[in-house]
PDB file of N, CA and C in Angstrom:
ATOM      1  N   MET A   1     -23.665  -5.145  -4.939  1.00  0.00           N
ATOM      2  CA  MET A   1     -25.204  -5.183  -4.014  1.00  0.00           C
ATOM      3  C   MET A   1     -25.360  -4.573  -2.889  1.00  0.00           C
ATOM      4  N   ASN A   2     -26.319  -3.655  -3.037  1.00  0.00           N
ATOM      5  CA  ASN A   2     -26.737  -2.865  -1.584  1.00  0.00           C
ATOM      6  C   ASN A   2     -27.611  -2.982  -0.662  1.00  0.00           C
ATOM      7  N   ARG A   3     -27.711  -2.466   0.573  1.00  0.00           N
ATOM      8  CA  ARG A   3     -28.635  -2.348   0.681  1.00  0.00           C
ATOM      9  C   ARG A   3     -30.246  -3.256   0.789  1.00  0.00           C
ATOM     10  N   LYS A   4     -30.401  -2.330  -0.095  1.00  0.00           N
ATOM     11  CA  LYS A   4     -31.853  -2.234  -0.960  1.00  0.00           C
ATOM     12  C   LYS A   4     -31.931  -3.260  -1.902  1.00  0.00           C
ATOM     13  N   ASP A   5     -30.751  -4.062  -2.452  1.00  0.00           N
ATOM     14  CA  ASP A   5     -30.485  -5.332  -3.014  1.00  0.00           C
ATOM     15  C   ASP A   5     -30.771  -6.699  -2.398  1.00  0.00           C
ATOM     16  N   ILE A   6     -30.177  -6.396  -0.950  1.00  0.00           N
ATOM     17  CA  ILE A   6     -30.572  -7.171  -0.251  1.00  0.00           C
ATOM     18  C   ILE A   6     -31.784  -7.472   0.415  1.00  0.00           C
ATOM     19  N   GLU A   7     -32.111  -6.575   0.855  1.00  0.00           N
ATOM     20  CA  GLU A   7     -33.590  -6.182   1.477  1.00  0.00           C
ATOM     21  C   GLU A   7     -35.110  -7.090   0.508  1.00  0.00           C
ATOM     22  N   LYS A   8     -34.345  -6.455  -1.154  1.00  0.00           N
ATOM     23  CA  LYS A   8     -35.342  -7.011  -1.934  1.00  0.00           C
ATOM     24  C   LYS A   8     -35.157  -8.795  -2.112  1.00  0.00           C
ATOM     25  N   ILE A   9     -34.143  -9.164  -2.444  1.00  0.00           N
ATOM     26  CA  ILE A   9     -33.765 -10.863  -2.368  1.00  0.00           C
ATOM     27  C   ILE A   9     -34.208 -11.371  -0.729  1.00  0.00           C
ATOM     28  N   THR A  10     -34.110 -11.539  -0.146  1.00  0.00           N
ATOM     29  CA  THR A  10     -34.460 -11.076   1.797  1.00  0.00           C
ATOM     30  C   THR A  10     -36.414 -11.529   1.367  1.00  0.00           C
ATOM     31  N   ALA A  11     -36.706 -10.481   1.227  1.00  0.00           N
ATOM     32  CA  ALA A  11     -38.255 -10.214   0.367  1.00  0.00           C
ATOM     33  C   ALA A  11     -38.661 -11.036   0.239  1.00  0.00           C
ATOM     34  N   ALA A  12     -38.139 -11.497  -1.226  1.00  0.00           N
ATOM     35  CA  ALA A  12     -38.774 -12.679  -2.066  1.00  0.00           C
ATOM     36  C   ALA A  12     -38.233 -13.971  -1.818  1.00  0.00           C
ATOM     37  N   ARG A  13     -37.166 -13.979  -1.446  1.00  0.00           N
ATOM     38  CA  ARG A  13     -36.910 -15.556  -0.195  1.00  0.00           C
ATOM     39  C   ARG A  13     -38.341 -15.386   0.833  1.00  0.00           C
ATOM     40  N   LEU A  14     -38.653 -14.888   0.836  1.00  0.00           N
ATOM     41  CA  LEU A  14     -39.699 -15.149   2.215  1.00  0.00           C
ATOM     42  C   LEU A  14     -40.652 -14.735   2.120  1.00  0.00           C
ATOM     43  N   GLY A  15     -41.304 -14.308   0.660  1.00  0.00           N
ATOM     44  CA  GLY A  15     -42.724 -14.414   0.364  1.00  0.00           C
ATOM     45  C   GLY A  15     -43.083 -13.388   1.289  1.00  0.00           C
ATOM     46  N   VAL A  16     -42.860 -12.143   1.350  1.00  0.00           N
ATOM     47  CA  VAL A  16     -43.391 -11.141   2.199  1.00  0.00           C
ATOM     48  C   VAL A  16     -43.105  -9.926   1.444  1.00  0.00           C
ATOM     49  N   PRO A  17     -43.845  -8.848   1.555  1.00  0.00           N
ATOM     50  CA  PRO A  17     -42.942  -7.889   1.026  1.00  0.00           C
ATOM     51  C   PRO A  17     -41.577  -6.676   1.791  1.00  0.00           C
ATOM     52  N   VAL A  18     -41.573  -6.484   0.298  1.00  0.00           N
ATOM     53  CA  VAL A  18     -39.831  -5.621   1.331  1.00  0.00           C
ATOM     54  C   VAL A  18     -40.258  -4.563   2.521  1.00  0.00           C
ATOM     55  N   THR A  19     -41.237  -4.141   2.442  1.00  0.00           N
ATOM     56  CA  THR A  19     -41.359  -2.950   3.271  1.00  0.00           C
ATOM     57  C   THR A  19     -41.910  -3.663   4.945  1.00  0.00           C
ATOM     58  N   THR A  20     -42.015  -4.674   4.374  1.00  0.00           N
ATOM     59  CA  THR A  20     -41.619  -5.578   5.891  1.00  0.00           C
ATOM     60  C   THR A  20     -40.204  -6.329   6.470  1.00  0.00           C
ATOM     61  N   VAL A  21     -39.056  -6.082   5.055  1.00  0.00           N
ATOM     62  CA  VAL A  21     -37.770  -6.363   5.648  1.00  0.00           C
ATOM     63  C   VAL A  21     -36.886  -5.040   5.838  1.00  0.00           C
ATOM     64  N   GLU A  22     -37.372  -4.068   5.333  1.00  0.00           N
ATOM     65  CA  GLU A  22     -36.878  -3.176   5.143  1.00  0.00           C
ATOM     66  C   GLU A  22     -36.273  -2.699   6.984  1.00  0.00           C
ATOM     67  N   PRO A  23     -37.583  -2.718   8.142  1.00  0.00           N
ATOM     68  CA  PRO A  23     -36.854  -2.274   9.987  1.00  0.00           C
ATOM     69  C   PRO A  23     -35.958  -3.960  10.459  1.00  0.00           C
ATOM     70  N   PHE A  24     -36.159  -5.082   9.433  1.00  0.00           N
ATOM     71  CA  PHE A  24     -35.134  -5.975   9.865  1.00  0.00           C
ATOM     72  C   PHE A  24     -33.676  -5.295   9.395  1.00  0.00           C
ATOM     73  N   VAL A  25     -33.499  -5.753   8.099  1.00  0.00           N
ATOM     74  CA  VAL A  25     -32.442  -5.738   7.839  1.00  0.00           C
ATOM     75  C   VAL A  25     -31.614  -4.582   8.615  1.00  0.00           C
ATOM     76  N   GLN A  26     -31.838  -3.257   8.956  1.00  0.00           N
ATOM     77  CA  GLN A  26     -31.422  -1.433   9.179  1.00  0.00           C
ATOM     78  C   GLN A  26     -31.533  -1.428  10.267  1.00  0.00           C
ATOM     79  N   ALA A  27     -31.858  -2.747  11.403  1.00  0.00           N
ATOM     80  CA  ALA A  27     -32.351  -3.097  12.602  1.00  0.00           C
ATOM     81  C   ALA A  27     -30.554  -3.645  12.937  1.00  0.00           C
ATOM     82  N   PHE A  28     -30.297  -4.765  11.891  1.00  0.00           N
ATOM     83  CA  PHE A  28     -29.555  -5.938  11.984  1.00  0.00           C
ATOM     84  C   PHE A  28     -28.359  -4.924  11.411  1.00  0.00           C
ATOM     85  N   LEU A  29     -28.356  -4.039  10.761  1.00  0.00           N
ATOM     86  CA  LEU A  29     -26.826  -3.197   9.974  1.00  0.00           C
ATOM     87  C   LEU A  29     -26.795  -2.173  11.664  1.00  0.00           C
ATOM     88  N   GLU A  30     -27.785  -1.726  12.141  1.00  0.00           N
ATOM     89  CA  GLU A  30     -27.770  -0.736  13.272  1.00  0.00           C
ATOM     90  C   GLU A  30     -26.915  -1.523  14.455  1.00  0.00           C
ATOM     91  N   THR A  31     -27.285  -2.076  14.691  1.00  0.00           N
ATOM     92  CA  THR A  31     -27.154  -3.592  15.728  1.00  0.00           C
ATOM     93  C   THR A  31     -25.050  -4.211  15.377  1.00  0.00           C
ATOM     94  N   VAL A  32     -24.715  -4.582  14.264  1.00  0.00           N
ATOM     95  CA  VAL A  32     -23.753  -4.738  14.313  1.00  0.00           C
ATOM     96  C   VAL A  32     -22.797  -3.026  14.266  1.00  0.00           C
ATOM     97  N   SER A  33     -23.181  -2.287  13.603  1.00  0.00           N
ATOM     98  CA  SER A  33     -22.500  -1.120  13.723  1.00  0.00           C
ATOM     99  C   SER A  33     -21.965  -0.668  15.416  1.00  0.00           C
ATOM    100  N   ASP A  34     -23.246  -0.876  16.183  1.00  0.00           N
ATOM    101  CA  ASP A  34     -23.109  -0.359  17.421  1.00  0.00           C
ATOM    102  C   ASP A  34     -22.094  -0.852  18.161  1.00  0.00           C
ATOM    103  N   CYS A  35     -22.620  -2.732  18.099  1.00  0.00           N
ATOM    104  CA  CYS A  35     -21.783  -3.673  18.799  1.00  0.00           C
ATOM    105  C   CYS A  35     -19.752  -3.108  18.262  1.00  0.00           C
ATOM    106  N   LEU A  36     -19.530  -3.064  16.959  1.00  0.00           N
ATOM    107  CA  LEU A  36     -18.669  -2.720  16.542  1.00  0.00           C
ATOM    108  C   LEU A  36     -17.677  -0.960  16.955  1.00  0.00           C
ATOM    109  N   MET A  37     -18.886  -0.493  16.703  1.00  0.00           N
ATOM    110  CA  MET A  37     -18.237   0.765  17.284  1.00  0.00           C
ATOM    111  C   MET A  37     -17.626   0.795  18.945  1.00  0.00           C
ATOM    112  N   TYR A  38     -18.264  -0.125  19.933  1.00  0.00           N
ATOM    113  CA  TYR A  38     -17.946  -0.239  21.194  1.00  0.00           C
ATOM    114  C   TYR A  38     -16.901  -0.904  21.328  1.00  0.00           C
ATOM    115  N   GLY A  39     -16.220  -1.409  20.375  1.00  0.00           N
ATOM    116  CA  GLY A  39     -15.375  -1.932  20.116  1.00  0.00           C
ATOM    117  C   GLY A  39     -15.313  -3.661  20.615  1.00  0.00           C
ATOM    118  N   HIS A  40     -16.393  -4.425  20.638  1.00  0.00           N
ATOM    119  CA  HIS A  40     -16.773  -5.427  20.461  1.00  0.00           C
ATOM    120  C   HIS A  40     -16.873  -6.496  19.227  1.00  0.00           C
ATOM    121  N   HIS A  41     -16.626  -8.092  19.981  1.00  0.00           N
ATOM    122  CA  HIS A  41     -16.650  -8.614  18.514  1.00  0.00           C
ATOM    123  C   HIS A  41     -17.999  -9.060  17.537  1.00  0.00           C
ATOM    124  N   VAL A  42     -18.365  -9.125  17.191  1.00  0.00           N
ATOM    125  CA  VAL A  42     -19.583  -9.901  16.212  1.00  0.00           C
ATOM    126  C   VAL A  42     -19.032 -10.971  15.222  1.00  0.00           C
ATOM    127  N   THR A  43     -19.282 -12.297  16.082  1.00  0.00           N
ATOM    128  CA  THR A  43     -19.735 -13.412  15.458  1.00  0.00           C
ATOM    129  C   THR A  43     -21.087 -13.883  14.901  1.00  0.00           C
ATOM    130  N   ILE A  44     -21.017 -14.414  13.292  1.00  0.00           N
ATOM    131  CA  ILE A  44     -22.411 -14.992  13.045  1.00  0.00           C
ATOM    132  C   ILE A  44     -22.309 -16.335  12.944  1.00  0.00           C
ATOM    133  N   GLN A  45     -22.569 -16.871  13.251  1.00  0.00           N
ATOM    134  CA  GLN A  45     -21.842 -18.439  13.393  1.00  0.00           C
ATOM    135  C   GLN A  45     -22.437 -18.893  11.433  1.00  0.00           C
ATOM    136  N   HIS A  46     -21.354 -19.486  10.925  1.00  0.00           N
ATOM    137  CA  HIS A  46     -21.447 -20.065   9.582  1.00  0.00           C
ATOM    138  C   HIS A  46     -21.296 -18.847   8.839  1.00  0.00           C
ATOM    139  N   PHE A  47     -21.357 -17.840   9.397  1.00  0.00           N
ATOM    140  CA  PHE A  47     -20.932 -17.088   8.535  1.00  0.00           C
ATOM    141  C   PHE A  47     -19.724 -16.075   8.392  1.00  0.00           C
ATOM    142  N   GLY A  48     -19.469 -15.815   9.698  1.00  0.00           N
ATOM    143  CA  GLY A  48     -18.341 -15.199   9.783  1.00  0.00           C
ATOM    144  C   GLY A  48     -17.918 -14.094  10.735  1.00  0.00           C
ATOM    145  N   SER A  49     -16.875 -14.049  11.013  1.00  0.00           N
ATOM    146  CA  SER A  49     -16.949 -12.686  12.354  1.00  0.00           C
ATOM    147  C   SER A  49     -16.123 -11.123  11.993  1.00  0.00           C
ATOM    148  N   PHE A  50     -16.896  -9.904  12.505  1.00  0.00           N
ATOM    149  CA  PHE A  50     -16.037  -9.092  12.100  1.00  0.00           C
ATOM    150  C   PHE A  50     -15.550  -8.295  13.695  1.00  0.00           C
ATOM    151  N   ARG A  51     -14.452  -7.782  13.117  1.00  0.00           N
ATOM    152  CA  ARG A  51     -13.497  -7.087  14.672  1.00  0.00           C
ATOM    153  C   ARG A  51     -12.971  -6.090  14.229  1.00  0.00           C
ATOM    154  N   PRO A  52     -13.220  -5.198  15.251  1.00  0.00           N
ATOM    155  CA  PRO A  52     -13.059  -3.849  15.541  1.00  0.00           C
ATOM    156  C   PRO A  52     -10.761  -3.541  14.981  1.00  0.00           C
ATOM    157  N   TRP A  53     -10.340  -3.456  14.247  1.00  0.00           N
ATOM    158  CA  TRP A  53      -9.075  -2.914  14.797  1.00  0.00           C
ATOM    159  C   TRP A  53      -8.435  -1.603  14.802  1.00  0.00           C
ATOM    160  N   GLU A  54      -7.160  -1.572  15.379  1.00  0.00           N
ATOM    161  CA  GLU A  54      -6.861   0.273  15.544  1.00  0.00           C
ATOM    162  C   GLU A  54      -5.525   0.288  14.381  1.00  0.00           C
ATOM    163  N   GLN A  55      -5.714   1.009  13.842  1.00  0.00           N
ATOM    164  CA  GLN A  55      -4.773   1.314  12.365  1.00  0.00           C
ATOM    165  C   GLN A  55      -3.497   2.847  13.122  1.00  0.00           C
ATOM    166  N   THR A  56      -2.516   2.014  12.542  1.00  0.00           N
ATOM    167  CA  THR A  56      -1.560   3.212  13.668  1.00  0.00           C
ATOM    168  C   THR A  56      -1.302   4.294  12.665  1.00  0.00           C
ATOM    169  N   SER A  57      -0.982   5.205  12.819  1.00  0.00           N
ATOM    170  CA  SER A  57      -0.722   6.329  12.071  1.00  0.00           C
ATOM    171  C   SER A  57       1.029   5.724  11.629  1.00  0.00           C
ATOM    172  N   ARG A  58       0.665   6.352  10.369  1.00  0.00           N
ATOM    173  CA  ARG A  58       2.104   5.825   9.508  1.00  0.00           C
ATOM    174  C   ARG A  58       2.052   6.321   7.990  1.00  0.00           C
ATOM    175  N   PRO A  59       3.170   7.125   7.211  1.00  0.00           N
ATOM    176  CA  PRO A  59       3.684   7.493   5.961  1.00  0.00           C
ATOM    177  C   PRO A  59       3.263   7.204   5.021  1.00  0.00           C
ATOM    178  N   VAL A  60       2.448   8.445   4.085  1.00  0.00           N
ATOM    179  CA  VAL A  60       1.671   8.075   2.908  1.00  0.00           C
ATOM    180  C   VAL A  60       2.179   9.106   2.263  1.00  0.00           C
ATOM    181  N   ARG A  61       1.921   9.629   0.716  1.00  0.00           N
ATOM    182  CA  ARG A  61       1.967  10.116  -0.044  1.00  0.00           C
ATOM    183  C   ARG A  61       0.860  10.949  -0.843  1.00  0.00           C
ATOM    184  N   ASN A  62       0.125  12.034  -1.125  1.00  0.00           N
ATOM    185  CA  ASN A  62      -0.426  12.412  -1.565  1.00  0.00           C
ATOM    186  C   ASN A  62      -0.278  11.820  -2.810  1.00  0.00           C
ATOM    187  N   PRO A  63      -1.612  11.056  -3.585  1.00  0.00           N
ATOM    188  CA  PRO A  63      -1.803  10.494  -4.967  1.00  0.00           C
ATOM    189  C   PRO A  63      -1.492  12.175  -6.118  1.00  0.00           C
ATOM    190  N   ARG A  64      -1.957  12.898  -5.677  1.00  0.00           N
ATOM    191  CA  ARG A  64      -2.469  14.440  -7.039  1.00  0.00           C
ATOM    192  C   ARG A  64      -0.875  14.786  -6.395  1.00  0.00           C
ATOM    193  N   THR A  65      -0.280  14.878  -5.818  1.00  0.00           N
ATOM    194  CA  THR A  65       0.936  15.530  -5.479  1.00  0.00           C
ATOM    195  C   THR A  65       2.269  15.381  -5.346  1.00  0.00           C
ATOM    196  N   GLY A  66       1.633  14.625  -4.711  1.00  0.00           N
ATOM    197  CA  GLY A  66       3.542  13.667  -4.205  1.00  0.00           C
ATOM    198  C   GLY A  66       3.766  13.493  -2.778  1.00  0.00           C
ATOM    199  N   GLU A  67       3.445  14.241  -2.321  1.00  0.00           N
ATOM    200  CA  GLU A  67       4.033  15.045  -0.829  1.00  0.00           C
ATOM    201  C   GLU A  67       3.575  14.269  -0.117  1.00  0.00           C
ATOM    202  N   PRO A  68       4.827  13.610   0.728  1.00  0.00           N
ATOM    203  CA  PRO A  68       5.027  12.810   2.302  1.00  0.00           C
ATOM    204  C   PRO A  68       3.629  13.288   2.765  1.00  0.00           C
ATOM    205  N   CYS A  69       3.197  12.843   3.208  1.00  0.00           N
ATOM    206  CA  CYS A  69       2.361  13.701   4.677  1.00  0.00           C
ATOM    207  C   CYS A  69       1.740  12.017   5.960  1.00  0.00           C
ATOM    208  N   MET A  70       1.347  12.067   6.795  1.00  0.00           N
ATOM    209  CA  MET A  70       1.326  10.983   7.988  1.00  0.00           C
ATOM    210  C   MET A  70      -0.147  10.508   8.111  1.00  0.00           C
ATOM    211  N   LEU A  71      -0.570  10.033   7.906  1.00  0.00           N
ATOM    212  CA  LEU A  71      -1.759   8.718   7.730  1.00  0.00           C
ATOM    213  C   LEU A  71      -2.171   9.154   9.551  1.00  0.00           C
ATOM    214  N   GLU A  72      -3.693   9.889   9.546  1.00  0.00           N
ATOM    215  CA  GLU A  72      -4.143   9.693  11.733  1.00  0.00           C
ATOM    216  C   GLU A  72      -4.394   8.582  11.580  1.00  0.00           C
ATOM    217  N   PRO A  73      -3.990   7.614  13.041  1.00  0.00           N
ATOM    218  CA  PRO A  73      -4.611   6.412  12.875  1.00  0.00           C
ATOM    219  C   PRO A  73      -5.872   6.580  13.525  1.00  0.00           C
ATOM    220  N   ARG A  74      -6.553   5.329  13.049  1.00  0.00           N
ATOM    221  CA  ARG A  74      -8.268   5.084  12.884  1.00  0.00           C
ATOM    222  C   ARG A  74      -8.722   3.890  13.277  1.00  0.00           C
ATOM    223  N   THR A  75      -9.717   3.484  13.696  1.00  0.00           N
ATOM    224  CA  THR A  75     -10.384   2.336  13.804  1.00  0.00           C
ATOM    225  C   THR A  75     -11.007   1.954  12.323  1.00  0.00           C
ATOM    226  N   SER A  76     -11.143   0.617  12.357  1.00  0.00           N
ATOM    227  CA  SER A  76     -11.651  -0.197  10.864  1.00  0.00           C
ATOM    228  C   SER A  76     -12.476  -1.376  11.713  1.00  0.00           C
ATOM    229  N   VAL A  77     -12.676  -2.094   9.854  1.00  0.00           N
ATOM    230  CA  VAL A  77     -13.067  -3.186  10.656  1.00  0.00           C
ATOM    231  C   VAL A  77     -12.296  -3.733   9.976  1.00  0.00           C
ATOM    232  N   LYS A  78     -12.630  -5.491  10.878  1.00  0.00           N
ATOM    233  CA  LYS A  78     -12.202  -6.854  10.053  1.00  0.00           C
ATOM    234  C   LYS A  78     -12.993  -7.291   9.839  1.00  0.00           C
ATOM    235  N   PHE A  79     -13.038  -8.383   8.953  1.00  0.00           N
ATOM    236  CA  PHE A  79     -13.580  -9.699   8.394  1.00  0.00           C
ATOM    237  C   PHE A  79     -13.316 -11.143   7.826  1.00  0.00           C
ATOM    238  N   ASN A  80     -13.358 -11.651   8.843  1.00  0.00           N
ATOM    239  CA  ASN A  80     -12.853 -13.353   8.427  1.00  0.00           C
ATOM    240  C   ASN A  80     -13.853 -14.101   8.724  1.00  0.00           C
ATOM    241  N   PRO A  81     -14.376 -14.362   7.418  1.00  0.00           N
ATOM    242  CA  PRO A  81     -15.023 -15.213   7.027  1.00  0.00           C
ATOM    243  C   PRO A  81     -14.743 -16.788   7.254  1.00  0.00           C
ATOM    244  N   GLY A  82     -16.460 -17.593   8.173  1.00  0.00           N
ATOM    245  CA  GLY A  82     -16.600 -18.352   8.348  1.00  0.00           C
ATOM    246  C   GLY A  82     -16.251 -19.742   7.684  1.00  0.00           C
ATOM    247  N   LYS A  83     -16.039 -20.971   8.283  1.00  0.00           N
ATOM    248  CA  LYS A  83     -15.709 -21.660   7.606  1.00  0.00           C
ATOM    249  C   LYS A  83     -16.788 -22.471   6.724  1.00  0.00           C
ATOM    250  N   THR A  84     -18.104 -22.900   7.386  1.00  0.00           N
ATOM    251  CA  THR A  84     -19.447 -22.616   5.227  1.00  0.00           C
ATOM    252  C   THR A  84     -19.083 -21.922   4.643  1.00  0.00           C
ATOM    253  N   LEU A  85     -18.747 -20.271   5.146  1.00  0.00           N
ATOM    254  CA  LEU A  85     -18.688 -19.221   3.934  1.00  0.00           C
ATOM    255  C   LEU A  85     -17.552 -20.186   3.041  1.00  0.00           C
ATOM    256  N   PHE A  86     -16.789 -19.933   3.546  1.00  0.00           N
ATOM    257  CA  PHE A  86     -15.873 -20.287   2.697  1.00  0.00           C
ATOM    258  C   PHE A  86     -15.371 -21.203   2.095  1.00  0.00           C
ATOM    259  N   GLU A  87     -16.092 -22.765   2.556  1.00  0.00           N
ATOM    260  CA  GLU A  87     -16.356 -23.387   1.669  1.00  0.00           C
ATOM    261  C   GLU A  87     -17.134 -23.228   0.759  1.00  0.00           C
ATOM    262  N   LYS A  88     -18.266 -22.776   0.851  1.00  0.00           N
ATOM    263  CA  LYS A  88     -19.463 -22.481  -0.309  1.00  0.00           C
ATOM    264  C   LYS A  88     -18.926 -21.726  -1.222  1.00  0.00           C
ATOM    265  N   MET A  89     -18.112 -20.546  -0.747  1.00  0.00           N
ATOM    266  CA  MET A  89     -18.060 -19.292  -2.019  1.00  0.00           C
ATOM    267  C   MET A  89     -16.426 -20.356  -2.969  1.00  0.00           C
ATOM    268  N   ASN A  90     -15.938 -21.046  -2.180  1.00  0.00           N
ATOM    269  CA  ASN A  90     -14.704 -22.399  -2.585  1.00  0.00           C
ATOM    270  C   ASN A  90     -15.118 -23.708  -3.188  1.00  0.00           C
ATOM    271  N   ALA A  91     -16.256 -23.590  -3.349  1.00  0.00           N
ATOM    272  CA  ALA A  91     -16.460 -25.390  -3.850  1.00  0.00           C
ATOM    273  C   ALA A  91     -16.375 -25.713  -4.384  1.00  0.00           C
ATOM    274  N   ASP A  92     -16.198 -25.007  -5.687  1.00  0.00           N
ATOM    275  CA  ASP A  92     -16.022 -25.576  -7.024  1.00  0.00           C
ATOM    276  C   ASP A  92     -14.667 -25.618  -7.152  1.00  0.00           C
ATOM    277  N   LEU A  93     -13.822 -24.811  -6.422  1.00  0.00           N
ATOM    278  CA  LEU A  93     -12.562 -24.942  -6.710  1.00  0.00           C
ATOM    279  C   LEU A  93     -11.968 -26.582  -5.902  1.00  0.00           C
ATOM    280  N   LEU A  94     -12.242 -26.529  -4.634  1.00  0.00           N
ATOM    281  CA  LEU A  94     -12.422 -27.842  -3.663  1.00  0.00           C
ATOM    282  C   LEU A  94     -12.514 -29.195  -4.421  1.00  0.00           C
ATOM    283  N   GLU A  95     -13.529 -29.367  -5.112  1.00  0.00           N
ATOM    284  CA  GLU A  95     -14.418 -30.468  -5.520  1.00  0.00           C
ATOM    285  C   GLU A  95     -13.184 -30.600  -7.500  1.00  0.00           C
ATOM    286  N   GLU A  96     -12.942 -29.829  -7.639  1.00  0.00           N
ATOM    287  CA  GLU A  96     -11.614 -29.687  -9.405  1.00  0.00           C
ATOM    288  C   GLU A  96     -10.966 -30.394  -8.573  1.00  0.00           C
ATOM    289  N   LYS A  97     -10.123 -29.445  -7.374  1.00  0.00           N
ATOM    290  CA  LYS A  97      -8.976 -30.869  -6.688  1.00  0.00           C
ATOM    291  C   LYS A  97      -9.244 -31.998  -5.919  1.00  0.00           C
ATOM    292  N   GLN A  98     -10.662 -32.388  -6.199  1.00  0.00           N
ATOM    293  CA  GLN A  98     -11.172 -33.824  -5.473  1.00  0.00           C
ATOM    294  C   GLN A  98     -10.623 -35.473  -6.801  1.00  0.00           C
ATOM    295  N   VAL A  99     -11.520 -34.156  -7.897  1.00  0.00           N
ATOM    296  CA  VAL A  99     -11.400 -35.392  -9.111  1.00  0.00           C
ATOM    297  C   VAL A  99     -10.282 -35.812  -9.280  1.00  0.00           C
TER     298      VAL A  99
END
């Protein structure tokens, strides 16, 4: 699923044209990106939280040549699902265990 798919599904659920939803989805994604870029945590209640984290430099191998090299330090993003999302995704598994 990509951004366009999210826009189409959201527009269908709200009963509005896709062109109405596009700027809201774009603004949301830009806001989350900007917050993470400046080192802030983003928490969406009942969904999950995004947080930036610094990956350290580490030795790796070039898969084509097998030559060892160092991966430069960089900033990445971690996502932790919220309790509601986690339960929704695992509802079938949790129901099977209760039976």
